[in-house]
N, C-alpha and C. Protein backbone atom coordinates (compact mmCIF):
# COMPACT_ATOMS: atom_id res chain seq x y z
N MET A 1 -3.76 4.38 -6.62
CA MET A 1 -4.44 3.96 -5.51
C MET A 1 -4.35 2.64 -5.39
N LEU A 2 -4.12 2.19 -4.04
CA LEU A 2 -3.94 0.72 -3.91
C LEU A 2 -5.50 0.24 -3.71
N HIS A 3 -5.77 -1.12 -3.91
CA HIS A 3 -7.01 -2.03 -3.79
C HIS A 3 -6.65 -3.13 -2.92
N PRO A 4 -7.65 -3.24 -1.95
CA PRO A 4 -7.58 -4.63 -1.13
C PRO A 4 -6.94 -5.92 -1.97
N ASN A 5 -6.18 -6.73 -1.25
CA ASN A 5 -5.78 -7.87 -1.85
C ASN A 5 -4.81 -7.79 -2.98
N GLN A 6 -4.23 -6.42 -3.16
CA GLN A 6 -3.10 -6.05 -4.27
C GLN A 6 -1.77 -6.56 -3.85
N THR A 7 -1.02 -7.24 -4.79
CA THR A 7 0.33 -7.38 -4.40
C THR A 7 1.13 -6.13 -4.43
N VAL A 8 1.88 -5.92 -3.31
CA VAL A 8 2.66 -4.60 -3.45
C VAL A 8 3.99 -5.14 -2.95
N TYR A 9 4.84 -4.00 -3.05
CA TYR A 9 6.37 -4.21 -2.45
C TYR A 9 6.53 -2.93 -1.44
N TYR A 10 7.28 -3.27 -0.29
CA TYR A 10 7.58 -2.34 0.72
C TYR A 10 9.08 -2.26 0.95
N THR A 11 9.50 -1.03 1.16
CA THR A 11 10.87 -1.02 1.73
C THR A 11 11.08 -0.97 3.25
N SER A 12 11.99 -1.66 3.73
CA SER A 12 12.25 -2.00 5.00
C SER A 12 13.67 -2.01 5.21
N GLY A 13 14.33 -0.63 5.69
CA GLY A 13 15.85 -0.63 5.77
C GLY A 13 16.35 -0.87 4.29
N PRO A 14 17.24 -1.54 4.08
CA PRO A 14 18.00 -1.86 2.81
C PRO A 14 17.16 -2.81 2.12
N PHE A 15 15.96 -3.45 2.53
CA PHE A 15 15.24 -4.56 1.88
C PHE A 15 13.95 -4.10 1.23
N VAL A 16 13.74 -4.79 0.13
CA VAL A 16 12.28 -4.66 -0.49
C VAL A 16 11.48 -6.01 -0.26
N GLN A 17 10.38 -6.21 0.14
CA GLN A 17 9.74 -7.16 0.50
C GLN A 17 8.44 -7.24 -0.19
N GLU A 18 7.74 -8.24 -0.33
CA GLU A 18 6.45 -8.50 -1.13
C GLU A 18 5.46 -8.61 -0.04
N ALA A 19 4.23 -8.07 -0.32
CA ALA A 19 3.10 -8.15 0.75
C ALA A 19 1.84 -8.14 -0.06
N THR A 20 0.68 -8.21 0.67
CA THR A 20 -0.42 -8.01 0.20
C THR A 20 -1.20 -6.80 0.75
N PHE A 21 -1.63 -5.79 0.14
CA PHE A 21 -2.37 -4.54 0.70
C PHE A 21 -3.66 -4.83 1.34
N ILE A 22 -3.85 -4.60 2.46
CA ILE A 22 -5.09 -4.78 3.19
C ILE A 22 -5.99 -3.60 2.99
N SER A 23 -5.52 -2.55 3.77
CA SER A 23 -6.29 -1.21 3.68
C SER A 23 -5.28 -0.15 4.05
N HIS A 24 -6.04 1.21 4.05
CA HIS A 24 -5.42 2.36 4.60
C HIS A 24 -5.71 2.48 5.93
N ASP A 25 -4.95 3.05 6.48
CA ASP A 25 -5.17 3.55 8.04
C ASP A 25 -4.45 4.90 8.49
N GLY A 26 -5.12 5.97 7.94
CA GLY A 26 -4.72 7.31 7.91
C GLY A 26 -3.46 7.42 7.29
N PRO A 27 -2.28 8.04 7.80
CA PRO A 27 -1.18 7.74 6.59
C PRO A 27 -0.21 6.73 6.50
N ASN A 28 -1.02 5.68 6.71
CA ASN A 28 -0.30 4.29 6.77
C ASN A 28 -1.03 3.23 5.83
N CYS A 29 -0.46 2.33 5.50
CA CYS A 29 -1.08 1.17 4.85
C CYS A 29 -0.96 0.02 5.70
N VAL A 30 -2.03 -0.95 5.79
CA VAL A 30 -1.88 -1.98 6.27
C VAL A 30 -1.69 -3.17 5.40
N LEU A 31 -0.74 -3.94 5.79
CA LEU A 31 -0.20 -5.11 4.69
C LEU A 31 -0.33 -6.43 5.50
N GLN A 32 -0.46 -7.45 4.48
CA GLN A 32 -0.33 -8.68 5.29
C GLN A 32 1.17 -9.31 4.56
N THR A 33 1.92 -9.78 5.40
CA THR A 33 3.23 -10.16 5.01
C THR A 33 3.43 -11.68 5.30
N LYS A 34 4.52 -12.14 5.11
CA LYS A 34 4.83 -13.61 5.32
C LYS A 34 5.02 -13.74 6.82
N LEU A 35 5.22 -12.65 7.51
CA LEU A 35 5.36 -12.81 9.03
C LEU A 35 4.41 -12.32 9.75
N GLY A 36 3.37 -11.59 9.08
CA GLY A 36 2.06 -11.27 9.76
C GLY A 36 1.67 -9.84 9.20
N THR A 37 0.64 -9.17 10.04
CA THR A 37 0.42 -7.95 9.75
C THR A 37 1.24 -6.81 9.88
N LEU A 38 1.48 -5.81 8.99
CA LEU A 38 2.41 -4.97 9.21
C LEU A 38 1.67 -3.31 8.80
N LYS A 39 1.81 -2.34 9.79
CA LYS A 39 1.40 -0.97 9.40
C LYS A 39 2.75 -0.30 9.10
N ILE A 40 2.56 0.54 7.59
CA ILE A 40 3.85 1.16 7.41
C ILE A 40 3.34 2.29 6.51
N ARG A 41 4.32 3.38 6.57
CA ARG A 41 3.83 4.71 5.87
C ARG A 41 3.60 4.38 4.32
N LYS A 42 2.89 5.12 3.93
CA LYS A 42 2.37 4.79 2.47
C LYS A 42 3.57 5.10 1.46
N GLY A 43 4.52 6.26 1.68
CA GLY A 43 5.45 6.33 1.12
C GLY A 43 6.36 5.12 0.92
N ARG A 44 6.36 4.14 1.56
CA ARG A 44 7.46 3.01 1.47
C ARG A 44 6.67 1.95 0.87
N VAL A 45 5.37 2.07 0.36
CA VAL A 45 4.61 1.09 -0.28
C VAL A 45 4.46 1.30 -1.79
N PHE A 46 4.94 0.15 -2.51
CA PHE A 46 4.88 0.58 -4.07
C PHE A 46 4.02 -0.59 -4.82
N THR A 47 3.37 -0.43 -5.91
CA THR A 47 2.87 -1.25 -6.79
C THR A 47 3.95 -1.97 -7.32
N VAL A 48 3.58 -3.28 -8.00
CA VAL A 48 4.50 -3.83 -8.82
C VAL A 48 4.98 -3.01 -9.91
N GLN A 49 4.22 -2.40 -10.57
CA GLN A 49 4.69 -1.31 -11.65
C GLN A 49 5.63 -0.25 -11.17
N GLU A 50 5.43 0.30 -9.97
CA GLU A 50 6.17 1.28 -9.51
C GLU A 50 7.54 0.76 -9.04
N ALA A 51 7.56 -0.31 -8.51
CA ALA A 51 8.66 -1.02 -7.84
C ALA A 51 9.45 -1.33 -9.23
N ASN A 52 9.08 -1.92 -10.13
CA ASN A 52 9.76 -2.15 -11.33
C ASN A 52 10.22 -0.89 -12.05
N GLU A 53 9.52 0.17 -11.94
CA GLU A 53 10.00 1.44 -12.71
C GLU A 53 11.17 1.99 -11.80
N GLN A 54 11.31 1.89 -10.57
CA GLN A 54 12.20 2.78 -9.64
C GLN A 54 13.38 1.61 -9.51
N GLY A 55 13.34 0.38 -10.31
CA GLY A 55 14.45 -0.49 -9.94
C GLY A 55 14.42 -1.17 -8.64
N LEU A 56 13.45 -1.32 -7.79
CA LEU A 56 13.41 -1.91 -6.34
C LEU A 56 13.81 -3.41 -6.55
N LEU A 57 12.95 -3.88 -7.44
CA LEU A 57 13.08 -5.21 -7.67
C LEU A 57 14.43 -5.88 -8.35
N ASN A 58 14.75 -5.18 -9.13
CA ASN A 58 16.42 -5.61 -9.56
C ASN A 58 17.12 -5.60 -8.40
N ARG A 59 17.33 -4.46 -7.54
CA ARG A 59 18.09 -4.40 -6.44
C ARG A 59 17.99 -5.47 -5.27
N ASP A 60 16.58 -5.85 -5.34
CA ASP A 60 16.30 -6.89 -4.11
C ASP A 60 16.95 -8.30 -4.62
N ILE A 61 16.89 -8.46 -5.93
CA ILE A 61 17.55 -9.80 -6.47
C ILE A 61 18.92 -9.71 -6.35
N THR A 62 19.54 -8.53 -6.35
CA THR A 62 21.18 -8.38 -6.55
C THR A 62 21.26 -8.68 -4.95
N ARG A 63 20.66 -8.10 -3.84
CA ARG A 63 20.94 -8.26 -2.70
C ARG A 63 20.94 -9.61 -1.96
N ILE A 64 19.83 -10.45 -2.61
CA ILE A 64 19.73 -11.72 -2.43
C ILE A 64 20.84 -12.56 -2.78
N HIS A 65 21.31 -12.47 -4.04
CA HIS A 65 22.32 -13.02 -4.54
C HIS A 65 23.62 -12.80 -3.81
N GLU A 66 23.85 -11.51 -3.32
CA GLU A 66 25.12 -11.01 -2.74
C GLU A 66 24.96 -11.65 -1.34
N ALA A 67 24.02 -11.74 -0.72
CA ALA A 67 23.83 -12.39 0.70
C ALA A 67 24.29 -13.94 0.77
N PHE A 68 23.95 -14.71 -0.55
CA PHE A 68 24.17 -15.87 -0.42
C PHE A 68 25.34 -16.40 -1.20
N ALA A 69 26.15 -15.32 -1.64
CA ALA A 69 27.26 -15.59 -2.50
C ALA A 69 28.45 -16.13 -1.51
N VAL A 70 29.40 -17.01 -2.15
CA VAL A 70 30.24 -18.00 -1.35
C VAL A 70 31.37 -17.24 -1.81
């Protein structure tokens, strides 16, 4: 169960982004991101623990390094 103001991660295409959970809206979650408010399916939102367990955070760091590799 997610709680307001909880740090979460969400998947968007090949990317994993950090956000703050605001509320549930039916089958979706409302998140506050660096770029504004986002409504996204619950299945694409993960707690920090869930993201770590699934290796999402490790893949995100790898993608960032690959993107900036020269």
